[in-house]
């Protein structure tokens, strides 16, 4: 069975499978598999493995990206819709102008229309999230869904992002660990052949992803405010 067929079958059957296998597939082919299995229309992209430590662990020298479709932007979490739901707090940005590949930094900065608190709702076909770089890329960078805050910010929040469920701290980390959003945008635009006005880019998380197993109220806290979303079983 090919990597493409393994991911497709696991998604259709809703059953995680063991990862860590050598499929004879490099990153370029893995992105082609991602595009075939998760086609457009696109409303944006998600960045993953943004820290140098995570990249080194996976044998990479840059982040990875996944594709965000309209149905992945959610107003709440329905746990039954996920194979292995995990969550991490994020910062997202929205573009107000197109950004072509090779654009200068100033153009990238002007293209940003605002920042928002967000949650990346991870999902993976690979058991226990144990996978190779090619496996996670082919599976859309573990993209399951996203929660996007309503309050637009002119700049990314400073300090820490913290994720809570029912008032209990699940995970937190410093926003500074995400790096320069302009640099991230330039890399992404160059890698995917340009970005379009209106697209959302999820910049990755400074905090560890944590399993979601219970219903309740999910919150992301930052110095700029709080976003809240419900978590339900079905």
Protein backbone atom coordinates (compact mmCIF):
# COMPACT_ATOMS: atom_id res chain seq x y z
CA UNK A 1 0.00 0.00 0.00
CA UNK A 2 1.27 3.48 -0.87
CA UNK A 3 1.51 6.38 1.58
CA UNK A 4 -1.30 8.16 -0.25
CA UNK A 5 -3.58 5.12 -0.05
CA UNK A 6 -2.73 4.53 3.63
CA UNK A 7 -3.67 8.10 4.63
CA UNK A 8 -6.81 8.06 2.49
CA UNK A 9 -8.00 4.75 3.90
CA UNK A 10 -7.29 5.70 7.52
CA UNK A 11 -9.21 8.97 7.13
CA UNK A 12 -12.16 7.28 5.47
CA UNK A 13 -12.34 4.48 8.04
CA UNK A 14 -11.64 6.75 11.02
CA UNK A 15 -8.99 4.41 12.36
CA UNK A 16 -5.41 5.48 13.26
CA UNK A 17 -2.57 3.37 11.90
CA UNK A 18 1.08 2.86 12.97
CA UNK A 19 3.55 5.43 11.63
CA UNK A 20 7.30 5.56 11.31
CA UNK A 21 7.48 3.45 8.16
CA UNK A 22 9.82 4.18 5.25
CA UNK A 23 7.49 4.69 2.28
CA UNK A 24 10.26 5.75 -0.07
CA UNK A 25 8.64 9.19 -0.30
CA UNK A 26 10.39 12.54 0.11
CA UNK A 27 8.87 15.84 1.21
CA UNK A 28 8.16 17.03 -2.34
CA UNK A 29 6.09 13.94 -3.07
CA UNK A 30 4.47 14.13 0.38
CA UNK A 31 3.19 17.63 -0.45
CA UNK A 32 1.79 16.33 -3.73
CA UNK A 33 -0.05 13.65 -1.75
CA UNK A 34 -1.33 16.33 0.64
CA UNK A 35 -2.69 18.40 -2.23
CA UNK A 36 -4.35 15.36 -3.81
CA UNK A 37 -6.00 14.21 -0.57
CA UNK A 38 -6.91 17.67 0.74
CA UNK A 39 -7.74 19.73 -2.39
CA UNK A 40 -9.14 23.24 -2.52
CA UNK A 41 -10.80 25.60 -2.19
CA UNK A 42 -8.36 27.01 0.33
CA UNK A 43 -8.99 29.67 2.94
CA UNK A 44 -5.40 29.58 4.16
CA UNK A 45 -2.53 27.56 5.56
CA UNK A 46 -1.22 26.28 8.87
CA UNK A 47 2.43 26.19 9.86
CA UNK A 48 3.87 23.31 11.84
CA UNK A 49 7.20 22.38 13.39
CA UNK A 50 8.09 26.07 13.69
CA UNK A 51 10.77 25.66 16.36
CA UNK A 52 14.35 24.74 15.35
CA UNK A 53 14.31 21.99 18.00
CA UNK A 54 11.25 20.30 16.50
CA UNK A 55 12.68 20.67 13.00
CA UNK A 56 15.96 19.05 14.05
CA UNK A 57 14.06 16.23 15.71
CA UNK A 58 12.31 15.52 12.39
CA UNK A 59 15.43 15.97 10.28
CA UNK A 60 14.21 19.25 8.76
CA UNK A 61 15.62 22.75 8.34
CA UNK A 62 12.35 24.63 7.88
CA UNK A 63 8.72 24.48 9.06
CA UNK A 64 6.06 22.44 7.31
CA UNK A 65 2.66 23.61 6.17
CA UNK A 66 -0.85 22.23 5.84
CA UNK A 67 -3.88 23.36 3.85
CA UNK A 68 -6.92 24.99 5.51
CA UNK A 69 -10.33 24.49 3.88
CA UNK A 70 -13.56 26.38 4.68
CA UNK A 71 -15.03 23.45 6.63
CA UNK A 72 -12.00 23.43 8.96
CA UNK A 73 -12.89 26.83 10.46
CA UNK A 74 -15.12 25.86 13.37
CA UNK A 75 -17.15 27.66 16.02
CA UNK A 76 -16.72 24.87 18.57
CA UNK A 77 -15.17 21.45 19.03
CA UNK A 78 -17.09 18.24 18.36
CA UNK A 79 -14.82 15.51 19.72
CA UNK A 80 -16.54 12.72 17.81
CA UNK A 81 -15.44 14.32 14.52
CA UNK A 82 -11.77 13.64 15.29
CA UNK A 83 -9.67 10.47 15.33
CA UNK A 84 -7.21 11.67 17.99
CA UNK A 85 -8.15 15.23 19.00
CA UNK A 86 -5.44 17.43 20.41
CA UNK A 87 -5.33 21.20 20.85
CA UNK A 88 -2.71 23.89 21.02
CA UNK A 89 -3.04 27.68 21.41
CA UNK A 90 -1.96 29.74 18.43
CA UNK A 91 -1.79 33.17 16.85
CA UNK A 92 -3.24 33.56 13.35
CA UNK A 93 -3.03 36.41 10.86
CA UNK A 94 -5.31 37.46 8.01
CA UNK A 95 -4.01 38.95 4.78
CA UNK A 96 -5.55 42.13 3.39
CA UNK A 97 -3.45 42.04 0.20
CA UNK A 98 -2.01 39.41 -2.10
CA UNK A 99 1.57 38.39 -1.34
CA UNK A 100 3.54 37.04 -4.32
CA UNK A 101 6.57 34.80 -3.93
CA UNK A 102 9.81 36.74 -3.63
CA UNK A 103 8.14 39.84 -2.17
CA UNK A 104 10.33 42.10 0.01
CA UNK A 105 9.75 42.14 3.80
CA UNK A 106 8.07 45.54 3.69
CA UNK A 107 5.45 44.26 1.28
CA UNK A 108 4.80 41.24 3.50
CA UNK A 109 4.31 43.49 6.51
CA UNK A 110 1.84 45.70 4.64
CA UNK A 111 -0.11 42.64 3.50
CA UNK A 112 -1.03 41.68 7.07
CA UNK A 113 -4.55 42.80 7.96
CA UNK A 114 -4.50 41.80 11.61
CA UNK A 115 -3.79 39.09 14.14
CA UNK A 116 -6.17 36.84 16.09
CA UNK A 117 -6.00 34.37 18.95
CA UNK A 118 -6.68 30.87 17.68
CA UNK A 119 -6.67 27.16 18.49
CA UNK A 120 -5.22 24.51 16.21
CA UNK A 121 -7.34 21.38 16.62
CA UNK A 122 -4.92 18.68 15.61
CA UNK A 123 -5.87 15.30 14.25
CA UNK A 124 -3.69 12.52 12.86
CA UNK A 125 -4.04 9.16 11.20
CA UNK A 126 -0.76 8.08 12.85
CA UNK A 127 -1.17 6.29 16.18
CA UNK A 128 -0.02 8.42 19.12
CA UNK A 129 1.19 11.14 16.74
CA UNK A 130 4.33 9.12 16.01
CA UNK A 131 5.26 9.83 12.41
CA UNK A 132 8.02 10.74 9.99
CA UNK A 133 8.22 14.12 8.26
CA UNK A 134 6.79 12.69 5.05
CA UNK A 135 3.95 11.00 6.93
CA UNK A 136 2.83 14.13 8.77
CA UNK A 137 3.04 16.29 5.63
CA UNK A 138 0.99 13.79 3.60
CA UNK A 139 -1.63 13.86 6.39
CA UNK A 140 -2.02 17.64 6.00
CA UNK A 141 0.35 18.47 8.86
CA UNK A 142 -2.12 16.88 11.32
CA UNK A 143 -4.73 19.48 10.37
CA UNK A 144 -8.12 18.72 11.89
CA UNK A 145 -9.82 22.07 12.45
CA UNK A 146 -9.34 25.58 13.79
CA UNK A 147 -10.96 28.04 16.15
CA UNK A 148 -10.42 31.69 15.30
CA UNK A 149 -10.99 34.50 17.77
CA UNK A 150 -13.27 37.40 16.92
CA UNK A 151 -11.08 40.26 18.17
CA UNK A 152 -8.60 41.64 15.65
CA UNK A 153 -5.25 42.84 16.96
CA UNK A 154 -2.90 45.22 15.16
CA UNK A 155 0.13 43.21 16.34
CA UNK A 156 0.71 39.76 17.80
CA UNK A 157 0.18 39.51 21.55
CA UNK A 158 3.25 39.55 23.75
CA UNK A 159 4.05 37.33 26.70
CA UNK A 160 2.56 33.85 26.94
CA UNK A 161 -0.28 32.02 25.26
CA UNK A 162 -2.13 29.72 27.65
CA UNK A 163 -4.75 27.08 26.88
CA UNK A 164 -7.41 26.23 29.49
CA UNK A 165 -10.21 23.70 29.63
CA UNK A 166 -12.87 24.21 32.30
CA UNK A 167 -10.52 26.58 34.12
CA UNK A 168 -7.66 24.07 34.20
CA UNK A 169 -4.38 25.07 32.55
CA UNK A 170 -3.50 22.58 29.83
CA UNK A 171 -0.57 24.15 28.03
CA UNK A 172 1.29 27.43 27.64
CA UNK A 173 4.33 28.95 25.96
CA UNK A 174 5.90 32.28 24.93
CA UNK A 175 4.61 33.99 21.79
CA UNK A 176 8.19 35.02 20.99
CA UNK A 177 8.96 31.37 20.22
CA UNK A 178 6.85 31.68 17.05
CA UNK A 179 9.47 33.93 15.46
CA UNK A 180 8.91 36.88 13.15
CA UNK A 181 5.52 36.60 11.39
CA UNK A 182 6.88 38.51 8.38
CA UNK A 183 9.65 35.96 7.94
CA UNK A 184 7.10 33.15 8.25
CA UNK A 185 4.90 34.77 5.60
CA UNK A 186 7.81 35.26 3.19
CA UNK A 187 8.82 31.61 3.57
CA UNK A 188 5.25 30.38 3.07
CA UNK A 189 4.56 32.63 0.07
CA UNK A 190 7.76 31.47 -1.58
CA UNK A 191 7.02 27.83 -0.85
CA UNK A 192 3.39 27.68 -2.03
CA UNK A 193 3.69 30.11 -4.94
CA UNK A 194 2.07 33.13 -3.32
CA UNK A 195 -0.74 33.97 -0.91
CA UNK A 196 -4.06 35.70 -1.53
CA UNK A 197 -5.91 38.51 0.22
CA UNK A 198 -8.40 37.11 2.72
CA UNK A 199 -6.41 33.99 3.47
CA UNK A 200 -5.71 33.04 7.07
CA UNK A 201 -2.29 31.82 8.18
CA UNK A 202 -2.01 29.94 11.46
CA UNK A 203 1.50 30.65 12.72
CA UNK A 204 2.07 27.55 14.83
CA UNK A 205 2.06 27.14 18.59
CA UNK A 206 4.62 27.98 21.27
CA UNK A 207 3.02 25.40 23.59
CA UNK A 208 2.80 21.60 23.55
CA UNK A 209 -0.29 20.05 22.00
CA UNK A 210 -2.52 18.30 24.53
CA UNK A 211 -5.24 15.64 24.09
CA UNK A 212 -8.87 16.77 24.30
CA UNK A 213 -10.95 14.13 26.05
CA UNK A 214 -13.74 15.94 27.90
CA UNK A 215 -16.53 18.38 27.23
CA UNK A 216 -16.52 21.90 28.55
CA UNK A 217 -15.20 25.38 27.81
CA UNK A 218 -11.91 25.87 25.99
CA UNK A 219 -10.10 29.19 26.44
CA UNK A 220 -6.97 30.82 25.07
CA UNK A 221 -5.52 33.52 27.30
CA UNK A 222 -3.00 36.20 26.31
CA UNK A 223 -2.09 39.69 27.43
CA UNK A 224 -4.36 40.92 24.63
CA UNK A 225 -7.46 39.12 25.84
CA UNK A 226 -9.27 35.80 25.88
CA UNK A 227 -11.06 33.66 23.30
CA UNK A 228 -13.63 31.07 24.35
CA UNK A 229 -15.17 28.08 22.55
CA UNK A 230 -17.34 25.10 23.58
CA UNK A 231 -16.15 21.49 23.50
CA UNK A 232 -18.82 18.83 23.05
CA UNK A 233 -18.69 15.07 22.70
CA UNK A 234 -20.98 14.92 19.64
